Amino acid sequence: MNTIYAIGDIHGQSGLLKSLLRFIRKDAETRANDPVLYFLGDLVDRGPDSRGTINLVMKAIEEFPGSRFHIGNHDKWFLEAMEGTIGSDILSWARHGGIATLESYDVPITDAAPQVVARTYPDHFKFLKSASLYTRHGGMVFAHAGIDRTLPLADHSERTFMWIREPFLSMDSPGDGRVVFHGHTIFKNIVVSPNRVAIDTGSFATGILSCAIHDPAVNGIFFASTKGFNTEADFVDPVLVGDVELARALIENPARYLEEPAIENPSFHLLRT
């Protein structure tokens, strides 16, 4: 199994992503297994350089074979705006960072601007359209917002993977045997409970872009973040919540979540069109 670097919400902060990628390249050299990068969505909106962020993510996925991008709600808004299917949600998208995304593409801000972007940057449009909803390795799940713990993953709606908060965030017992690496909901620090790892640290406002590192060779989960704007990324400690001993056990022995039969080709669910 690869070493997995799960990266939280970037929101157009290409400078922070460059810093985190420098850390990942250096750290990966110290680990036994080949690295893959799982971007957990919300590449765009709010920050100043959504265009540059998508370029960096596309290049990183090419650099590290097996890496993938899991779509977030902001990415889906942008995609729907480019398709012309966003409808009344275009007002919410504009209020929550969509204008900044369009400005990063240097297009006139008109009703037709998203379609202009789609025509001018067809590689970006195709990239967003080919995104994954989730990836599963045994009991480990990677998705933008989280999951509905009452349902099998195959029965989830697209919206759940991109939007869910409650009751997902409040269900901290490890009862269903699934640990979820997610972003979407901002916390001041990386948060680890007995059944989830939250890595959205509000990069667009705080300058803190975070990742979780699952290294199967040493059976551990590690964490890294930038320290603010114009800083380099380094290792950090998470905040443990819920049953602290169980949360610590997740970090120190994640292999117990991989004890289901091995998945030779992990679930890679494309957006349904």
C-alpha atoms as a PDB file:
ATOM      1  CA  MET A   1       0.000   0.000   0.000  1.00  0.00           C
ATOM      2  CA  ASN A   2       1.175   3.538  -0.756  1.00  0.00           C
ATOM      3  CA  THR A   3       1.926   6.265   1.722  1.00  0.00           C
ATOM      4  CA  ILE A   4      -1.137   8.516   1.490  1.00  0.00           C
ATOM      5  CA  TYR A   5      -0.964  12.286   1.873  1.00  0.00           C
ATOM      6  CA  ALA A   6      -4.541  13.552   2.355  1.00  0.00           C
ATOM      7  CA  ILE A   7      -4.679  17.297   1.742  1.00  0.00           C
ATOM      8  CA  GLY A   8      -7.395  19.586   3.082  1.00  0.00           C
ATOM      9  CA  ASP A   9      -9.292  22.484   1.517  1.00  0.00           C
ATOM     10  CA  ILE A  10      -6.956  24.792  -0.462  1.00  0.00           C
ATOM     11  CA  HIS A  11      -9.439  27.453  -1.633  1.00  0.00           C
ATOM     12  CA  GLY A  12      -7.252  29.159  -4.194  1.00  0.00           C
ATOM     13  CA  GLN A  13      -4.197  29.509  -1.948  1.00  0.00           C
ATOM     14  CA  SER A  14      -1.619  28.296  -4.445  1.00  0.00           C
ATOM     15  CA  GLY A  15       1.274  29.662  -2.385  1.00  0.00           C
ATOM     16  CA  LEU A  16       0.316  27.521   0.586  1.00  0.00           C
ATOM     17  CA  LEU A  17      -0.040  24.490  -1.672  1.00  0.00           C
ATOM     18  CA  LYS A  18       3.445  25.056  -3.081  1.00  0.00           C
ATOM     19  CA  SER A  19       4.810  25.063   0.471  1.00  0.00           C
ATOM     20  CA  LEU A  20       2.958  21.882   1.402  1.00  0.00           C
ATOM     21  CA  LEU A  21       4.072  20.126  -1.790  1.00  0.00           C
ATOM     22  CA  ARG A  22       7.693  20.999  -1.003  1.00  0.00           C
ATOM     23  CA  PHE A  23       7.237  19.362   2.400  1.00  0.00           C
ATOM     24  CA  ILE A  24       5.564  16.297   0.884  1.00  0.00           C
ATOM     25  CA  ARG A  25       8.322  15.739  -1.668  1.00  0.00           C
ATOM     26  CA  LYS A  26      10.981  15.933   1.030  1.00  0.00           C
ATOM     27  CA  ASP A  27       9.050  13.781   3.505  1.00  0.00           C
ATOM     28  CA  ALA A  28       8.241  11.144   0.877  1.00  0.00           C
ATOM     29  CA  GLU A  29      11.963  10.542   0.373  1.00  0.00           C
ATOM     30  CA  THR A  30      12.167   9.286   3.984  1.00  0.00           C
ATOM     31  CA  ARG A  31       9.359   6.748   3.659  1.00  0.00           C
ATOM     32  CA  ALA A  32       9.499   3.192   2.373  1.00  0.00           C
ATOM     33  CA  ASN A  33       6.440   3.198   0.119  1.00  0.00           C
ATOM     34  CA  ASP A  34       5.663   5.301  -2.933  1.00  0.00           C
ATOM     35  CA  PRO A  35       3.524   8.358  -2.153  1.00  0.00           C
ATOM     36  CA  VAL A  36       0.069   9.198  -3.449  1.00  0.00           C
ATOM     37  CA  LEU A  37      -1.734  12.480  -2.865  1.00  0.00           C
ATOM     38  CA  TYR A  38      -5.452  12.561  -2.115  1.00  0.00           C
ATOM     39  CA  PHE A  39      -6.796  16.086  -2.518  1.00  0.00           C
ATOM     40  CA  LEU A  40     -10.000  16.308  -0.491  1.00  0.00           C
ATOM     41  CA  GLY A  41     -11.656  19.067  -2.450  1.00  0.00           C
ATOM     42  CA  ASP A  42     -12.495  22.759  -2.454  1.00  0.00           C
ATOM     43  CA  LEU A  43      -9.542  23.693  -4.606  1.00  0.00           C
ATOM     44  CA  VAL A  44     -11.287  26.888  -5.707  1.00  0.00           C
ATOM     45  CA  ASP A  45     -13.074  30.023  -4.423  1.00  0.00           C
ATOM     46  CA  ARG A  46     -12.264  32.566  -1.729  1.00  0.00           C
ATOM     47  CA  GLY A  47      -8.485  32.673  -2.235  1.00  0.00           C
ATOM     48  CA  PRO A  48      -6.712  34.663  -4.969  1.00  0.00           C
ATOM     49  CA  ASP A  49      -5.442  31.942  -7.307  1.00  0.00           C
ATOM     50  CA  SER A  50      -7.918  29.177  -8.066  1.00  0.00           C
ATOM     51  CA  ARG A  51      -6.543  28.845 -11.599  1.00  0.00           C
ATOM     52  CA  GLY A  52      -2.989  28.351 -10.326  1.00  0.00           C
ATOM     53  CA  THR A  53      -4.201  25.929  -7.677  1.00  0.00           C
ATOM     54  CA  ILE A  54      -5.883  23.682 -10.232  1.00  0.00           C
ATOM     55  CA  ASN A  55      -2.729  23.759 -12.352  1.00  0.00           C
ATOM     56  CA  LEU A  56      -0.632  22.687  -9.353  1.00  0.00           C
ATOM     57  CA  VAL A  57      -3.017  19.881  -8.427  1.00  0.00           C
ATOM     58  CA  MET A  58      -3.124  18.556 -11.982  1.00  0.00           C
ATOM     59  CA  LYS A  59       0.680  18.523 -12.124  1.00  0.00           C
ATOM     60  CA  ALA A  60       0.965  16.846  -8.707  1.00  0.00           C
ATOM     61  CA  ILE A  61      -1.454  14.089  -9.729  1.00  0.00           C
ATOM     62  CA  GLU A  62       0.666  13.489 -12.809  1.00  0.00           C
ATOM     63  CA  GLU A  63       3.872  13.548 -10.740  1.00  0.00           C
ATOM     64  CA  PHE A  64       2.612  11.000  -8.189  1.00  0.00           C
ATOM     65  CA  PRO A  65       0.835   8.129 -10.005  1.00  0.00           C
ATOM     66  CA  GLY A  66      -2.275   6.921  -8.222  1.00  0.00           C
ATOM     67  CA  SER A  67      -3.063  10.335  -6.786  1.00  0.00           C
ATOM     68  CA  ARG A  68      -6.571  11.713  -7.112  1.00  0.00           C
ATOM     69  CA  PHE A  69      -8.842  14.655  -6.546  1.00  0.00           C
ATOM     70  CA  HIS A  70     -12.068  14.315  -4.536  1.00  0.00           C
ATOM     71  CA  ILE A  71     -14.587  16.983  -5.467  1.00  0.00           C
ATOM     72  CA  GLY A  72     -15.827  19.503  -2.912  1.00  0.00           C
ATOM     73  CA  ASN A  73     -18.973  21.601  -2.904  1.00  0.00           C
ATOM     74  CA  HIS A  74     -17.126  24.705  -4.152  1.00  0.00           C
ATOM     75  CA  ASP A  75     -15.548  22.739  -6.996  1.00  0.00           C
ATOM     76  CA  LYS A  76     -18.988  21.401  -7.937  1.00  0.00           C
ATOM     77  CA  TRP A  77     -20.439  24.926  -7.963  1.00  0.00           C
ATOM     78  CA  PHE A  78     -17.639  26.031 -10.295  1.00  0.00           C
ATOM     79  CA  LEU A  79     -18.169  23.022 -12.554  1.00  0.00           C
ATOM     80  CA  GLU A  80     -21.917  23.626 -12.727  1.00  0.00           C
ATOM     81  CA  ALA A  81     -21.318  27.312 -13.480  1.00  0.00           C
ATOM     82  CA  MET A  82     -19.085  26.319 -16.402  1.00  0.00           C
ATOM     83  CA  GLU A  83     -21.720  23.839 -17.615  1.00  0.00           C
ATOM     84  CA  GLY A  84     -24.484  26.426 -17.298  1.00  0.00           C
ATOM     85  CA  THR A  85     -26.462  24.159 -14.945  1.00  0.00           C
ATOM     86  CA  ILE A  86     -25.893  25.955 -11.630  1.00  0.00           C
ATOM     87  CA  GLY A  87     -29.247  27.738 -11.666  1.00  0.00           C
ATOM     88  CA  SER A  88     -30.110  29.842  -8.608  1.00  0.00           C
ATOM     89  CA  ASP A  89     -27.063  28.499  -6.753  1.00  0.00           C
ATOM     90  CA  ILE A  90     -24.987  30.940  -8.769  1.00  0.00           C
ATOM     91  CA  LEU A  91     -25.826  33.623  -6.176  1.00  0.00           C
ATOM     92  CA  SER A  92     -24.514  31.455  -3.319  1.00  0.00           C
ATOM     93  CA  TRP A  93     -21.413  30.602  -5.333  1.00  0.00           C
ATOM     94  CA  ALA A  94     -20.736  34.272  -6.089  1.00  0.00           C
ATOM     95  CA  ARG A  95     -21.187  35.247  -2.419  1.00  0.00           C
ATOM     96  CA  HIS A  96     -18.868  32.481  -1.211  1.00  0.00           C
ATOM     97  CA  GLY A  97     -15.847  33.065  -3.395  1.00  0.00           C
ATOM     98  CA  GLY A  98     -16.937  32.430  -6.957  1.00  0.00           C
ATOM     99  CA  ILE A  99     -16.034  35.940  -8.083  1.00  0.00           C
ATOM    100  CA  ALA A 100     -12.470  35.451  -6.837  1.00  0.00           C
ATOM    101  CA  THR A 101     -12.260  32.261  -8.882  1.00  0.00           C
ATOM    102  CA  LEU A 102     -13.359  34.001 -12.070  1.00  0.00           C
ATOM    103  CA  GLU A 103     -10.944  36.885 -11.412  1.00  0.00           C
ATOM    104  CA  SER A 104      -8.071  34.403 -11.242  1.00  0.00           C
ATOM    105  CA  TYR A 105      -8.852  33.476 -14.867  1.00  0.00           C
ATOM    106  CA  ASP A 106      -8.659  37.108 -16.016  1.00  0.00           C
ATOM    107  CA  VAL A 107     -12.067  37.076 -17.673  1.00  0.00           C
ATOM    108  CA  PRO A 108     -14.627  39.909 -17.623  1.00  0.00           C
ATOM    109  CA  ILE A 109     -17.106  39.314 -14.806  1.00  0.00           C
ATOM    110  CA  THR A 110     -20.323  38.767 -16.728  1.00  0.00           C
ATOM    111  CA  ASP A 111     -23.067  36.119 -16.660  1.00  0.00           C
ATOM    112  CA  ALA A 112     -21.183  34.269 -19.395  1.00  0.00           C
ATOM    113  CA  ALA A 113     -17.805  34.326 -17.617  1.00  0.00           C
ATOM    114  CA  PRO A 114     -17.894  30.699 -16.366  1.00  0.00           C
ATOM    115  CA  GLN A 115     -18.615  29.406 -19.880  1.00  0.00           C
ATOM    116  CA  VAL A 116     -15.736  31.530 -21.197  1.00  0.00           C
ATOM    117  CA  VAL A 117     -13.465  29.810 -18.670  1.00  0.00           C
ATOM    118  CA  ALA A 118     -14.709  26.391 -19.787  1.00  0.00           C
ATOM    119  CA  ARG A 119     -13.933  27.180 -23.420  1.00  0.00           C
ATOM    120  CA  THR A 120     -10.568  28.814 -22.668  1.00  0.00           C
ATOM    121  CA  TYR A 121      -9.393  26.191 -20.166  1.00  0.00           C
ATOM    122  CA  PRO A 122     -10.902  22.917 -21.378  1.00  0.00           C
ATOM    123  CA  ASP A 123      -8.295  20.963 -19.407  1.00  0.00           C
ATOM    124  CA  HIS A 124      -9.569  22.492 -16.152  1.00  0.00           C
ATOM    125  CA  PHE A 125     -13.168  21.744 -17.094  1.00  0.00           C
ATOM    126  CA  LYS A 126     -12.292  18.135 -17.939  1.00  0.00           C
ATOM    127  CA  PHE A 127     -10.274  17.767 -14.734  1.00  0.00           C
ATOM    128  CA  LEU A 128     -13.142  18.914 -12.507  1.00  0.00           C
ATOM    129  CA  LYS A 129     -15.594  16.728 -14.383  1.00  0.00           C
ATOM    130  CA  SER A 130     -13.447  13.620 -13.849  1.00  0.00           C
ATOM    131  CA  ALA A 131     -13.239  14.056 -10.068  1.00  0.00           C
ATOM    132  CA  SER A 132     -13.751  11.295  -7.532  1.00  0.00           C
ATOM    133  CA  LEU A 133     -16.457  11.357  -4.877  1.00  0.00           C
ATOM    134  CA  TYR A 134     -14.625   9.105  -2.430  1.00  0.00           C
ATOM    135  CA  THR A 135     -11.897   6.523  -2.130  1.00  0.00           C
ATOM    136  CA  ARG A 136     -11.970   3.542   0.230  1.00  0.00           C
ATOM    137  CA  HIS A 137      -9.146   1.342   1.481  1.00  0.00           C
ATOM    138  CA  GLY A 138     -10.679  -1.266   3.781  1.00  0.00           C
ATOM    139  CA  GLY A 139     -12.286   0.758   6.571  1.00  0.00           C
ATOM    140  CA  MET A 140     -10.506   3.995   5.617  1.00  0.00           C
ATOM    141  CA  VAL A 141     -12.604   6.447   3.597  1.00  0.00           C
ATOM    142  CA  PHE A 142     -11.419   9.672   1.965  1.00  0.00           C
ATOM    143  CA  ALA A 143     -14.062  12.252   0.964  1.00  0.00           C
ATOM    144  CA  HIS A 144     -14.576  15.998   1.000  1.00  0.00           C
ATOM    145  CA  ALA A 145     -17.215  16.474   3.702  1.00  0.00           C
ATOM    146  CA  GLY A 146     -17.811  13.065   5.264  1.00  0.00           C
ATOM    147  CA  ILE A 147     -20.288  10.208   5.038  1.00  0.00           C
ATOM    148  CA  ASP A 148     -23.684   9.079   6.302  1.00  0.00           C
ATOM    149  CA  ARG A 149     -22.770   6.366   8.785  1.00  0.00           C
ATOM    150  CA  THR A 150     -26.222   4.786   8.501  1.00  0.00           C
ATOM    151  CA  LEU A 151     -25.699   3.889   4.837  1.00  0.00           C
ATOM    152  CA  PRO A 152     -23.307   1.842   2.704  1.00  0.00           C
ATOM    153  CA  LEU A 153     -21.099   4.111   0.619  1.00  0.00           C
ATOM    154  CA  ALA A 154     -22.685   2.890  -2.601  1.00  0.00           C
ATOM    155  CA  ASP A 155     -26.068   4.201  -1.416  1.00  0.00           C
ATOM    156  CA  HIS A 156     -24.845   7.739  -0.718  1.00  0.00           C
ATOM    157  CA  SER A 157     -25.968  10.728  -2.736  1.00  0.00           C
ATOM    158  CA  GLU A 158     -23.322  12.923  -4.339  1.00  0.00           C
ATOM    159  CA  ARG A 159     -24.483  15.768  -2.097  1.00  0.00           C
ATOM    160  CA  THR A 160     -23.673  13.806   1.076  1.00  0.00           C
ATOM    161  CA  PHE A 161     -20.014  13.410   0.155  1.00  0.00           C
ATOM    162  CA  MET A 162     -19.735  17.136  -0.646  1.00  0.00           C
ATOM    163  CA  TRP A 163     -21.961  18.788   1.974  1.00  0.00           C
ATOM    164  CA  ILE A 164     -22.644  16.697   5.077  1.00  0.00           C
ATOM    165  CA  ARG A 165     -21.894  18.070   8.521  1.00  0.00           C
ATOM    166  CA  GLU A 166     -24.380  16.768  11.072  1.00  0.00           C
ATOM    167  CA  PRO A 167     -24.926  14.160  12.274  1.00  0.00           C
ATOM    168  CA  PHE A 168     -21.566  13.012  10.859  1.00  0.00           C
ATOM    169  CA  LEU A 169     -19.478  15.389  12.984  1.00  0.00           C
ATOM    170  CA  SER A 170     -21.203  14.386  16.218  1.00  0.00           C
ATOM    171  CA  MET A 171     -20.950  10.622  15.761  1.00  0.00           C
ATOM    172  CA  ASP A 172     -17.541  10.087  17.342  1.00  0.00           C
ATOM    173  CA  SER A 173     -17.842   6.448  18.400  1.00  0.00           C
ATOM    174  CA  PRO A 174     -15.981   3.937  16.207  1.00  0.00           C
ATOM    175  CA  GLY A 175     -19.037   1.700  15.958  1.00  0.00           C
ATOM    176  CA  ASP A 176     -19.364   1.306  12.176  1.00  0.00           C
ATOM    177  CA  GLY A 177     -15.713   0.392  11.630  1.00  0.00           C
ATOM    178  CA  ARG A 178     -15.015   3.265   9.227  1.00  0.00           C
ATOM    179  CA  VAL A 179     -12.554   6.108   9.758  1.00  0.00           C
ATOM    180  CA  VAL A 180     -13.096   9.094   7.492  1.00  0.00           C
ATOM    181  CA  PHE A 181     -10.454  11.584   6.348  1.00  0.00           C
ATOM    182  CA  HIS A 182     -12.318  14.772   5.425  1.00  0.00           C
ATOM    183  CA  GLY A 183     -12.291  18.529   5.032  1.00  0.00           C
ATOM    184  CA  HIS A 184     -15.249  20.914   4.465  1.00  0.00           C
ATOM    185  CA  THR A 185     -15.769  21.904   8.116  1.00  0.00           C
ATOM    186  CA  ILE A 186     -13.151  24.322   9.414  1.00  0.00           C
ATOM    187  CA  PHE A 187     -11.356  23.666  12.682  1.00  0.00           C
ATOM    188  CA  LYS A 188      -8.584  25.735  14.228  1.00  0.00           C
ATOM    189  CA  ASN A 189      -6.335  22.660  14.314  1.00  0.00           C
ATOM    190  CA  ILE A 190      -6.314  19.221  12.739  1.00  0.00           C
ATOM    191  CA  VAL A 191      -8.865  17.201  14.708  1.00  0.00           C
ATOM    192  CA  VAL A 192      -8.786  13.450  15.301  1.00  0.00           C
ATOM    193  CA  SER A 193     -11.661  11.537  16.876  1.00  0.00           C
ATOM    194  CA  PRO A 194     -11.954   7.755  17.177  1.00  0.00           C
ATOM    195  CA  ASN A 195     -13.513   7.579  13.713  1.00  0.00           C
ATOM    196  CA  ARG A 196     -12.524  10.621  11.665  1.00  0.00           C
ATOM    197  CA  VAL A 197      -9.617  12.897  10.778  1.00  0.00           C
ATOM    198  CA  ALA A 198     -10.595  16.510   9.986  1.00  0.00           C
ATOM    199  CA  ILE A 199      -8.004  18.485   8.016  1.00  0.00           C
ATOM    200  CA  ASP A 200      -9.730  21.695   6.896  1.00  0.00           C
ATOM    201  CA  THR A 201      -7.908  24.376   8.875  1.00  0.00           C
ATOM    202  CA  GLY A 202      -9.338  27.368   7.014  1.00  0.00           C
ATOM    203  CA  SER A 203      -6.392  28.020   4.718  1.00  0.00           C
ATOM    204  CA  PHE A 204      -8.007  30.951   2.886  1.00  0.00           C
ATOM    205  CA  ALA A 205      -8.308  32.925   6.149  1.00  0.00           C
ATOM    206  CA  THR A 206      -5.616  31.461   8.419  1.00  0.00           C
ATOM    207  CA  GLY A 207      -2.766  30.596   6.065  1.00  0.00           C
ATOM    208  CA  ILE A 208      -2.811  27.095   7.573  1.00  0.00           C
ATOM    209  CA  LEU A 209      -3.075  24.331   4.970  1.00  0.00           C
ATOM    210  CA  SER A 210      -2.961  20.849   6.442  1.00  0.00           C
ATOM    211  CA  CYS A 211      -2.456  17.243   5.476  1.00  0.00           C
ATOM    212  CA  ALA A 212      -2.630  13.835   7.130  1.00  0.00           C
ATOM    213  CA  ILE A 213      -0.014  11.224   6.265  1.00  0.00           C
ATOM    214  CA  HIS A 214      -0.886   7.535   6.500  1.00  0.00           C
ATOM    215  CA  ASP A 215       2.336   5.517   6.374  1.00  0.00           C
ATOM    216  CA  PRO A 216       1.551   1.779   6.322  1.00  0.00           C
ATOM    217  CA  ALA A 217       5.227   0.859   6.538  1.00  0.00           C
ATOM    218  CA  VAL A 218       5.379   2.105  10.132  1.00  0.00           C
ATOM    219  CA  ASN A 219       1.640   1.743  10.857  1.00  0.00           C
ATOM    220  CA  GLY A 220       1.087   5.346  11.838  1.00  0.00           C
ATOM    221  CA  ILE A 221      -0.682   8.567  10.903  1.00  0.00           C
ATOM    222  CA  PHE A 222       1.249  11.831  10.976  1.00  0.00           C
ATOM    223  CA  PHE A 223       0.266  15.424  10.321  1.00  0.00           C
ATOM    224  CA  ALA A 224       1.741  18.527   8.723  1.00  0.00           C
ATOM    225  CA  SER A 225       0.619  22.114   8.137  1.00  0.00           C
ATOM    226  CA  THR A 226       1.851  25.444   6.954  1.00  0.00           C
ATOM    227  CA  LYS A 227       2.151  27.904   9.853  1.00  0.00           C
ATOM    228  CA  GLY A 228       0.595  30.887   8.098  1.00  0.00           C
ATOM    229  CA  PHE A 229       0.972  32.773   4.851  1.00  0.00           C
ATOM    230  CA  ASN A 230       4.512  32.767   3.407  1.00  0.00           C
ATOM    231  CA  THR A 231       5.672  29.986   5.731  1.00  0.00           C
ATOM    232  CA  GLU A 232       7.009  26.485   5.151  1.00  0.00           C
ATOM    233  CA  ALA A 233       5.053  23.403   6.181  1.00  0.00           C
ATOM    234  CA  ASP A 234       6.210  21.189   9.028  1.00  0.00           C
ATOM    235  CA  PHE A 235       4.950  18.429  11.300  1.00  0.00           C
ATOM    236  CA  VAL A 236       2.228  19.360  13.778  1.00  0.00           C
ATOM    237  CA  ASP A 237       0.272  17.609  16.509  1.00  0.00           C
ATOM    238  CA  PRO A 238      -3.494  17.178  16.119  1.00  0.00           C
ATOM    239  CA  VAL A 239      -6.167  17.875  18.696  1.00  0.00           C
ATOM    240  CA  LEU A 240      -7.767  14.655  19.963  1.00  0.00           C
ATOM    241  CA  VAL A 241     -11.504  14.734  20.690  1.00  0.00           C
ATOM    242  CA  GLY A 242     -14.140  12.294  21.908  1.00  0.00           C
ATOM    243  CA  ASP A 243     -12.603   9.231  23.533  1.00  0.00           C
ATOM    244  CA  VAL A 244      -9.005  10.463  23.540  1.00  0.00           C
ATOM    245  CA  GLU A 245      -7.490   7.018  24.044  1.00  0.00           C
ATOM    246  CA  LEU A 246      -9.374   5.627  21.062  1.00  0.00           C
ATOM    247  CA  ALA A 247      -8.384   8.639  18.981  1.00  0.00           C
ATOM    248  CA  ARG A 248      -4.749   8.082  19.924  1.00  0.00           C
ATOM    249  CA  ALA A 249      -5.112   4.395  19.050  1.00  0.00           C
ATOM    250  CA  LEU A 250      -6.292   5.387  15.570  1.00  0.00           C
ATOM    251  CA  ILE A 251      -3.120   7.413  15.024  1.00  0.00           C
ATOM    252  CA  GLU A 252      -0.820   4.753  16.456  1.00  0.00           C
ATOM    253  CA  ASN A 253      -2.448   1.662  14.922  1.00  0.00           C
ATOM    254  CA  PRO A 254      -4.402   2.539  11.776  1.00  0.00           C
ATOM    255  CA  ALA A 255      -3.787  -0.949  10.361  1.00  0.00           C
ATOM    256  CA  ARG A 256      -6.778  -2.218  12.308  1.00  0.00           C
ATOM    257  CA  TYR A 257      -8.962  -0.290   9.860  1.00  0.00           C
ATOM    258  CA  LEU A 258      -7.370  -2.148   6.966  1.00  0.00           C
ATOM    259  CA  GLU A 259      -8.174  -5.633   8.204  1.00  0.00           C
ATOM    260  CA  GLU A 260     -11.024  -6.104   5.756  1.00  0.00           C
ATOM    261  CA  PRO A 261     -10.150  -8.133   2.632  1.00  0.00           C
ATOM    262  CA  ALA A 262      -7.641  -6.228   0.527  1.00  0.00           C
ATOM    263  CA  ILE A 263      -9.012  -4.077  -2.284  1.00  0.00           C
ATOM    264  CA  GLU A 264      -6.777  -4.456  -5.301  1.00  0.00           C
ATOM    265  CA  ASN A 265      -8.412  -1.502  -7.067  1.00  0.00           C
ATOM    266  CA  PRO A 266      -9.703   0.905  -4.418  1.00  0.00           C
ATOM    267  CA  SER A 267     -13.094   2.469  -5.064  1.00  0.00           C
ATOM    268  CA  PHE A 268     -12.683   5.391  -7.428  1.00  0.00           C
ATOM    269  CA  HIS A 269     -16.176   6.729  -7.971  1.00  0.00           C
ATOM    270  CA  LEU A 270     -16.546   9.260 -10.749  1.00  0.00           C
ATOM    271  CA  LEU A 271     -19.227  11.905 -10.754  1.00  0.00           C
ATOM    272  CA  ARG A 272     -22.310  10.615 -12.427  1.00  0.00           C
ATOM    273  CA  THR A 273     -23.219  12.700 -15.483  1.00  0.00           C
END
